[in-house]
């Protein structure tokens, strides 16, 4: 079994209920949720919004591969109302120099599920980066992660 830490966030609708539903669906579709942080309330990161976030981190034991976890996360997000309009806009024009790349554009969302850590794996693929490259810059990830991490 693999140990996967997932970060969850919501700032639209019934935020706490969105997280509870996502955690229940993760437990059914990805693997056993063995630890869960308290809910952490935070301001939006990387953009301005009047909608505060509710975040949590969970530890899941799974037999799924990293890509299968990603696919399941995206399916759960879709089922809980996340649409393309809520998705982070990433600028990946390979013709640009890295110094010319624009930062991503974030949007409010009913649910967001990110893979933070997957065992001791390090991946740097176009669609999947593990550990999550920005997690150490985000208190709303690190505080709940440190709460449940061994």
Protein backbone atom coordinates (compact mmCIF):
# COMPACT_ATOMS: atom_id res chain seq x y z
CA UNK A 1 0.00 0.00 0.00
CA UNK A 2 1.09 3.52 -0.76
CA UNK A 3 0.75 6.50 1.55
CA UNK A 4 -0.61 9.61 -0.15
CA UNK A 5 -1.16 12.98 1.43
CA UNK A 6 -3.90 14.96 -0.27
CA UNK A 7 -4.65 18.65 0.21
CA UNK A 8 -8.27 19.72 -0.08
CA UNK A 9 -9.75 23.20 -0.36
CA UNK A 10 -13.09 24.84 -1.00
CA UNK A 11 -14.24 28.45 -1.12
CA UNK A 12 -17.65 28.17 -2.81
CA UNK A 13 -20.94 26.80 -1.50
CA UNK A 14 -21.08 24.89 1.79
CA UNK A 15 -17.31 24.65 2.10
CA UNK A 16 -17.14 22.33 5.12
CA UNK A 17 -19.70 19.99 3.56
CA UNK A 18 -17.78 20.02 0.26
CA UNK A 19 -14.68 18.81 2.14
CA UNK A 20 -16.64 16.15 4.05
CA UNK A 21 -18.18 14.83 0.81
CA UNK A 22 -14.79 14.80 -0.93
CA UNK A 23 -13.18 12.91 1.96
CA UNK A 24 -16.00 10.35 1.92
CA UNK A 25 -15.65 9.87 -1.85
CA UNK A 26 -11.86 9.57 -1.55
CA UNK A 27 -12.36 6.87 1.09
CA UNK A 28 -14.67 5.00 -1.32
CA UNK A 29 -12.78 5.51 -4.59
CA UNK A 30 -9.09 5.96 -3.79
CA UNK A 31 -8.27 4.23 -0.52
CA UNK A 32 -8.64 4.26 3.22
CA UNK A 33 -8.44 7.67 4.85
CA UNK A 34 -6.29 6.95 7.90
CA UNK A 35 -5.73 10.51 9.16
CA UNK A 36 -7.44 13.85 8.71
CA UNK A 37 -6.40 17.30 9.86
CA UNK A 38 -8.73 19.82 11.41
CA UNK A 39 -10.29 22.28 9.00
CA UNK A 40 -8.04 25.27 8.38
CA UNK A 41 -9.54 28.60 7.35
CA UNK A 42 -7.50 30.83 5.05
CA UNK A 43 -7.64 33.72 2.64
CA UNK A 44 -7.24 32.98 -1.08
CA UNK A 45 -3.63 32.48 -2.14
CA UNK A 46 -2.33 33.89 -5.41
CA UNK A 47 -5.44 35.93 -6.24
CA UNK A 48 -8.06 38.17 -4.66
CA UNK A 49 -11.52 36.97 -3.69
CA UNK A 50 -14.11 37.76 -1.04
CA UNK A 51 -14.53 34.01 -0.45
CA UNK A 52 -12.43 32.53 2.35
CA UNK A 53 -11.13 28.97 1.92
CA UNK A 54 -11.61 25.97 4.13
CA UNK A 55 -8.70 23.53 3.78
CA UNK A 56 -7.70 20.14 5.16
CA UNK A 57 -5.06 17.51 4.57
CA UNK A 58 -5.71 13.78 4.68
CA UNK A 59 -3.50 10.71 4.61
CA UNK A 60 -4.79 7.94 2.38
CA UNK A 61 -3.52 4.37 2.04
CA UNK A 62 -4.05 3.28 -1.54
CA UNK A 63 -3.03 0.66 -4.06
CA UNK A 64 -3.53 3.16 -6.90
CA UNK A 65 -0.67 4.61 -8.93
CA UNK A 66 -0.01 8.37 -8.78
CA UNK A 67 -1.76 8.87 -12.14
CA UNK A 68 -4.75 6.81 -11.01
CA UNK A 69 -4.99 8.93 -7.84
CA UNK A 70 -4.86 12.07 -10.00
CA UNK A 71 -7.62 10.75 -12.28
CA UNK A 72 -9.78 9.80 -9.29
CA UNK A 73 -9.21 13.24 -7.71
CA UNK A 74 -10.32 14.94 -10.92
CA UNK A 75 -13.40 12.71 -11.17
CA UNK A 76 -14.38 13.53 -7.57
CA UNK A 77 -13.81 17.25 -8.17
CA UNK A 78 -16.08 17.08 -11.23
CA UNK A 79 -18.79 15.19 -9.31
CA UNK A 80 -18.68 17.85 -6.59
CA UNK A 81 -19.17 20.68 -9.07
CA UNK A 82 -15.72 21.78 -10.16
CA UNK A 83 -15.82 22.84 -13.79
CA UNK A 84 -13.27 24.14 -16.27
CA UNK A 85 -14.28 27.66 -15.22
CA UNK A 86 -12.97 26.91 -11.70
CA UNK A 87 -9.69 25.37 -12.85
CA UNK A 88 -6.33 27.05 -12.47
CA UNK A 89 -5.18 28.49 -15.78
CA UNK A 90 -1.61 27.42 -16.44
CA UNK A 91 0.45 28.98 -19.18
CA UNK A 92 2.60 26.29 -20.72
CA UNK A 93 3.65 27.76 -24.04
CA UNK A 94 6.89 25.87 -24.60
CA UNK A 95 8.12 28.52 -27.03
CA UNK A 96 8.48 31.01 -24.17
CA UNK A 97 11.63 31.25 -22.09
CA UNK A 98 11.10 30.31 -18.45
CA UNK A 99 11.64 33.96 -17.47
CA UNK A 100 8.74 34.93 -19.78
CA UNK A 101 6.21 32.48 -18.33
CA UNK A 102 3.24 34.10 -16.67
CA UNK A 103 2.08 32.88 -13.27
CA UNK A 104 -1.03 30.70 -13.14
CA UNK A 105 -4.43 32.36 -12.74
CA UNK A 106 -6.49 30.99 -9.84
CA UNK A 107 -10.29 31.00 -9.49
CA UNK A 108 -12.83 30.34 -6.75
CA UNK A 109 -13.85 26.70 -6.64
CA UNK A 110 -16.25 24.37 -4.83
CA UNK A 111 -13.48 21.80 -4.35
CA UNK A 112 -9.83 21.32 -5.15
CA UNK A 113 -7.86 18.16 -4.40
CA UNK A 114 -4.08 18.12 -4.79
CA UNK A 115 -1.58 15.30 -4.39
CA UNK A 116 0.97 16.67 -1.92
CA UNK A 117 3.12 13.60 -1.27
CA UNK A 118 3.07 10.03 -2.55
CA UNK A 119 5.38 7.79 -0.49
CA UNK A 120 8.89 9.19 -1.07
CA UNK A 121 8.27 9.56 -4.79
CA UNK A 122 9.62 12.48 -6.82
CA UNK A 123 7.94 13.14 -10.17
CA UNK A 124 8.24 16.09 -12.52
CA UNK A 125 5.90 15.36 -15.41
CA UNK A 126 3.87 17.97 -17.32
CA UNK A 127 0.59 16.94 -15.67
CA UNK A 128 1.86 15.71 -12.30
CA UNK A 129 4.52 17.00 -9.96
CA UNK A 130 5.19 15.22 -6.67
CA UNK A 131 5.89 16.55 -4.09
CA UNK A 132 3.52 19.40 -4.84
CA UNK A 133 5.87 22.19 -5.97
CA UNK A 134 4.17 25.02 -4.04
CA UNK A 135 3.13 23.27 -0.84
CA UNK A 136 5.93 24.68 1.32
CA UNK A 137 4.89 28.23 0.37
CA UNK A 138 1.33 27.68 1.59
CA UNK A 139 0.44 27.76 5.29
CA UNK A 140 -2.99 26.33 4.44
CA UNK A 141 -1.14 23.19 3.31
CA UNK A 142 1.79 23.00 5.70
CA UNK A 143 -0.10 23.61 8.97
CA UNK A 144 -2.67 20.83 8.38
CA UNK A 145 0.02 18.56 6.85
CA UNK A 146 2.27 18.94 9.88
CA UNK A 147 -0.70 18.25 12.15
CA UNK A 148 -1.13 14.72 10.77
CA UNK A 149 2.32 13.82 9.47
CA UNK A 150 4.39 11.33 11.42
